[in-house]
Amino acid sequence: MDCRQFLLGLSAIGASGLTIAEARYWPESGFTKPCFSDLPDELKQHLLMQTIWMDIDAAKAWDAHIIGVGDNGGDVWCNPDMDNWSHLILKIQKDFYMNGGCITSRREDETFIASMVGLSANMTAQNHAICV
């Protein structure tokens, strides 16, 4: 067996192993976060959520977000390498943040603020929110 055949066989074994692992460990909903307009009732009533908020005074809770990529003409600046696939780690980081903020359009600043306004409208009157 020559080196080329060995490497080809090794890569085939690796590819089949990745296929099996992908089928077994792939998340049911994929790798994107579902964007709800409000927290679903089954999550609001979940024991974990009840436990988290048990000893917290909601009147003293603040929800703060520092946002912006500068696509609305403001003074905010975002590293352009975060949109470039040649800087893979930065691209993945930005995509992670955009997914977390439910941003799917190219109007990132406006979309994020609209998302935060929608979510804060569903907060209790005692909670405080701020977007900077």
C-alpha atoms as a PDB file:
ATOM      1  CA  MET A   1       0.000   0.000   0.000  1.00  0.00           C
ATOM      2  CA  ASP A   2       1.396   3.364  -0.932  1.00  0.00           C
ATOM      3  CA  CYS A   3       1.047   6.582   1.044  1.00  0.00           C
ATOM      4  CA  ARG A   4      -1.696   8.002  -1.205  1.00  0.00           C
ATOM      5  CA  GLN A   5      -3.975   4.981  -0.725  1.00  0.00           C
ATOM      6  CA  PHE A   6      -3.354   5.025   3.005  1.00  0.00           C
ATOM      7  CA  LEU A   7      -4.267   8.721   3.315  1.00  0.00           C
ATOM      8  CA  LEU A   8      -7.344   8.242   1.126  1.00  0.00           C
ATOM      9  CA  GLY A   9      -8.537   5.352   3.305  1.00  0.00           C
ATOM     10  CA  LEU A  10      -7.802   7.307   6.467  1.00  0.00           C
ATOM     11  CA  SER A  11      -9.788  10.304   5.228  1.00  0.00           C
ATOM     12  CA  ALA A  12     -12.722   8.026   4.295  1.00  0.00           C
ATOM     13  CA  ILE A  13     -12.739   6.577   7.812  1.00  0.00           C
ATOM     14  CA  GLY A  14     -12.591  10.074   9.293  1.00  0.00           C
ATOM     15  CA  ALA A  15     -15.428  11.322   7.087  1.00  0.00           C
ATOM     16  CA  SER A  16     -17.641   8.388   8.020  1.00  0.00           C
ATOM     17  CA  GLY A  17     -16.896   8.979  11.704  1.00  0.00           C
ATOM     18  CA  LEU A  18     -17.864  12.646  11.364  1.00  0.00           C
ATOM     19  CA  THR A  19     -21.090  11.672   9.618  1.00  0.00           C
ATOM     20  CA  ILE A  20     -22.027   9.329  12.455  1.00  0.00           C
ATOM     21  CA  ALA A  21     -21.110  11.929  15.093  1.00  0.00           C
ATOM     22  CA  GLU A  22     -23.091  14.607  13.249  1.00  0.00           C
ATOM     23  CA  ALA A  23     -26.182  12.428  13.105  1.00  0.00           C
ATOM     24  CA  ARG A  24     -25.906  11.589  16.793  1.00  0.00           C
ATOM     25  CA  TYR A  25     -24.914  14.939  18.310  1.00  0.00           C
ATOM     26  CA  TRP A  26     -26.535  17.489  15.959  1.00  0.00           C
ATOM     27  CA  PRO A  27     -28.937  19.686  17.946  1.00  0.00           C
ATOM     28  CA  GLU A  28     -32.608  19.162  17.124  1.00  0.00           C
ATOM     29  CA  SER A  29     -33.182  22.834  16.387  1.00  0.00           C
ATOM     30  CA  GLY A  30     -29.869  23.330  14.602  1.00  0.00           C
ATOM     31  CA  PHE A  31     -27.243  25.800  15.685  1.00  0.00           C
ATOM     32  CA  THR A  32     -29.425  28.891  15.597  1.00  0.00           C
ATOM     33  CA  LYS A  33     -31.441  30.270  18.471  1.00  0.00           C
ATOM     34  CA  PRO A  34     -35.193  30.433  17.955  1.00  0.00           C
ATOM     35  CA  CYS A  35     -36.336  34.059  18.121  1.00  0.00           C
ATOM     36  CA  PHE A  36     -39.453  34.466  20.221  1.00  0.00           C
ATOM     37  CA  SER A  37     -41.324  37.719  20.690  1.00  0.00           C
ATOM     38  CA  ASP A  38     -41.799  36.683  24.306  1.00  0.00           C
ATOM     39  CA  LEU A  39     -40.516  33.908  26.516  1.00  0.00           C
ATOM     40  CA  PRO A  40     -42.745  30.856  25.943  1.00  0.00           C
ATOM     41  CA  ASP A  41     -45.008  29.909  28.857  1.00  0.00           C
ATOM     42  CA  GLU A  42     -43.367  26.498  29.282  1.00  0.00           C
ATOM     43  CA  LEU A  43     -40.047  28.280  29.890  1.00  0.00           C
ATOM     44  CA  LYS A  44     -41.573  30.909  32.185  1.00  0.00           C
ATOM     45  CA  GLN A  45     -43.078  28.170  34.340  1.00  0.00           C
ATOM     46  CA  HIS A  46     -40.026  25.897  34.185  1.00  0.00           C
ATOM     47  CA  LEU A  47     -38.576  24.915  37.561  1.00  0.00           C
ATOM     48  CA  LEU A  48     -35.150  26.273  36.615  1.00  0.00           C
ATOM     49  CA  MET A  49     -36.561  29.736  35.813  1.00  0.00           C
ATOM     50  CA  GLN A  50     -38.567  29.733  39.040  1.00  0.00           C
ATOM     51  CA  THR A  51     -35.441  28.767  40.991  1.00  0.00           C
ATOM     52  CA  ILE A  52     -33.318  31.451  39.324  1.00  0.00           C
ATOM     53  CA  TRP A  53     -35.758  34.251  40.205  1.00  0.00           C
ATOM     54  CA  MET A  54     -36.716  32.903  43.645  1.00  0.00           C
ATOM     55  CA  ASP A  55     -34.573  35.237  45.794  1.00  0.00           C
ATOM     56  CA  ILE A  56     -34.243  38.123  43.328  1.00  0.00           C
ATOM     57  CA  ASP A  57     -36.200  41.336  43.760  1.00  0.00           C
ATOM     58  CA  ALA A  58     -37.436  42.056  40.210  1.00  0.00           C
ATOM     59  CA  ALA A  59     -37.620  45.775  41.020  1.00  0.00           C
ATOM     60  CA  LYS A  60     -33.835  45.774  41.398  1.00  0.00           C
ATOM     61  CA  ALA A  61     -33.096  43.732  38.259  1.00  0.00           C
ATOM     62  CA  TRP A  62     -31.603  45.517  35.251  1.00  0.00           C
ATOM     63  CA  ASP A  63     -31.224  44.135  31.745  1.00  0.00           C
ATOM     64  CA  ALA A  64     -28.405  45.997  29.983  1.00  0.00           C
ATOM     65  CA  HIS A  65     -27.162  45.673  26.413  1.00  0.00           C
ATOM     66  CA  ILE A  66     -24.301  47.463  24.695  1.00  0.00           C
ATOM     67  CA  ILE A  67     -25.083  47.258  21.027  1.00  0.00           C
ATOM     68  CA  GLY A  68     -24.206  48.540  17.596  1.00  0.00           C
ATOM     69  CA  VAL A  69     -22.097  47.730  14.588  1.00  0.00           C
ATOM     70  CA  GLY A  70     -22.289  51.175  13.009  1.00  0.00           C
ATOM     71  CA  ASP A  71     -24.440  50.333  10.009  1.00  0.00           C
ATOM     72  CA  ASN A  72     -26.862  53.195  10.712  1.00  0.00           C
ATOM     73  CA  GLY A  73     -24.377  56.016  10.178  1.00  0.00           C
ATOM     74  CA  GLY A  74     -23.586  56.516  13.863  1.00  0.00           C
ATOM     75  CA  ASP A  75     -20.187  56.756  15.497  1.00  0.00           C
ATOM     76  CA  VAL A  76     -20.080  53.058  16.399  1.00  0.00           C
ATOM     77  CA  TRP A  77     -17.356  51.083  14.646  1.00  0.00           C
ATOM     78  CA  CYS A  78     -17.128  47.342  14.155  1.00  0.00           C
ATOM     79  CA  ASN A  79     -14.038  45.545  12.874  1.00  0.00           C
ATOM     80  CA  PRO A  80     -14.680  44.782   9.165  1.00  0.00           C
ATOM     81  CA  ASP A  81     -12.724  41.535   9.569  1.00  0.00           C
ATOM     82  CA  MET A  82     -15.742  40.189  11.472  1.00  0.00           C
ATOM     83  CA  ASP A  83     -17.593  40.014   8.130  1.00  0.00           C
ATOM     84  CA  ASN A  84     -14.731  38.309   6.312  1.00  0.00           C
ATOM     85  CA  TRP A  85     -14.475  34.512   6.027  1.00  0.00           C
ATOM     86  CA  SER A  86     -10.677  34.774   5.897  1.00  0.00           C
ATOM     87  CA  HIS A  87     -10.866  35.718   9.596  1.00  0.00           C
ATOM     88  CA  LEU A  88     -12.918  32.695  10.569  1.00  0.00           C
ATOM     89  CA  ILE A  89     -12.839  33.096  14.363  1.00  0.00           C
ATOM     90  CA  LEU A  90     -13.964  36.734  14.185  1.00  0.00           C
ATOM     91  CA  LYS A  91     -16.679  35.833  11.663  1.00  0.00           C
ATOM     92  CA  ILE A  92     -17.975  33.039  13.904  1.00  0.00           C
ATOM     93  CA  GLN A  93     -17.937  35.375  16.932  1.00  0.00           C
ATOM     94  CA  LYS A  94     -19.982  38.013  15.119  1.00  0.00           C
ATOM     95  CA  ASP A  95     -22.411  35.411  13.771  1.00  0.00           C
ATOM     96  CA  PHE A  96     -22.803  34.088  17.338  1.00  0.00           C
ATOM     97  CA  TYR A  97     -23.690  37.562  18.626  1.00  0.00           C
ATOM     98  CA  MET A  98     -26.034  38.249  15.708  1.00  0.00           C
ATOM     99  CA  ASN A  99     -27.797  34.934  16.302  1.00  0.00           C
ATOM    100  CA  GLY A 100     -28.178  35.742  20.001  1.00  0.00           C
ATOM    101  CA  GLY A 101     -29.732  39.096  19.129  1.00  0.00           C
ATOM    102  CA  CYS A 102     -32.034  37.539  16.498  1.00  0.00           C
ATOM    103  CA  ILE A 103     -30.499  39.707  13.785  1.00  0.00           C
ATOM    104  CA  THR A 104     -31.068  38.310  10.319  1.00  0.00           C
ATOM    105  CA  SER A 105     -31.077  41.407   8.103  1.00  0.00           C
ATOM    106  CA  ARG A 106     -28.241  43.686   7.078  1.00  0.00           C
ATOM    107  CA  ARG A 107     -29.794  46.554   9.094  1.00  0.00           C
ATOM    108  CA  GLU A 108     -28.218  45.165  12.239  1.00  0.00           C
ATOM    109  CA  ASP A 109     -28.494  48.146  14.591  1.00  0.00           C
ATOM    110  CA  GLU A 110     -32.173  48.810  13.827  1.00  0.00           C
ATOM    111  CA  THR A 111     -33.080  45.121  13.984  1.00  0.00           C
ATOM    112  CA  PHE A 112     -31.401  44.656  17.360  1.00  0.00           C
ATOM    113  CA  ILE A 113     -33.055  47.716  18.890  1.00  0.00           C
ATOM    114  CA  ALA A 114     -36.460  46.583  17.575  1.00  0.00           C
ATOM    115  CA  SER A 115     -35.847  43.149  19.087  1.00  0.00           C
ATOM    116  CA  MET A 116     -34.893  44.647  22.461  1.00  0.00           C
ATOM    117  CA  VAL A 117     -37.922  46.970  22.448  1.00  0.00           C
ATOM    118  CA  GLY A 118     -40.185  43.999  21.714  1.00  0.00           C
ATOM    119  CA  LEU A 119     -38.662  41.903  24.473  1.00  0.00           C
ATOM    120  CA  SER A 120     -38.723  44.718  27.032  1.00  0.00           C
ATOM    121  CA  ALA A 121     -42.410  45.336  26.290  1.00  0.00           C
ATOM    122  CA  ASN A 122     -43.064  41.834  27.612  1.00  0.00           C
ATOM    123  CA  MET A 123     -41.058  42.332  30.809  1.00  0.00           C
ATOM    124  CA  THR A 124     -42.851  42.964  34.046  1.00  0.00           C
ATOM    125  CA  ALA A 125     -43.362  46.583  35.022  1.00  0.00           C
ATOM    126  CA  GLN A 126     -40.852  46.110  37.830  1.00  0.00           C
ATOM    127  CA  ASN A 127     -37.922  45.231  35.548  1.00  0.00           C
ATOM    128  CA  HIS A 128     -35.597  47.841  34.100  1.00  0.00           C
ATOM    129  CA  ALA A 129     -33.901  47.685  30.704  1.00  0.00           C
ATOM    130  CA  ILE A 130     -31.279  49.873  29.085  1.00  0.00           C
ATOM    131  CA  CYS A 131     -29.683  49.780  25.641  1.00  0.00           C
ATOM    132  CA  VAL A 132     -26.478  51.744  25.198  1.00  0.00           C
END
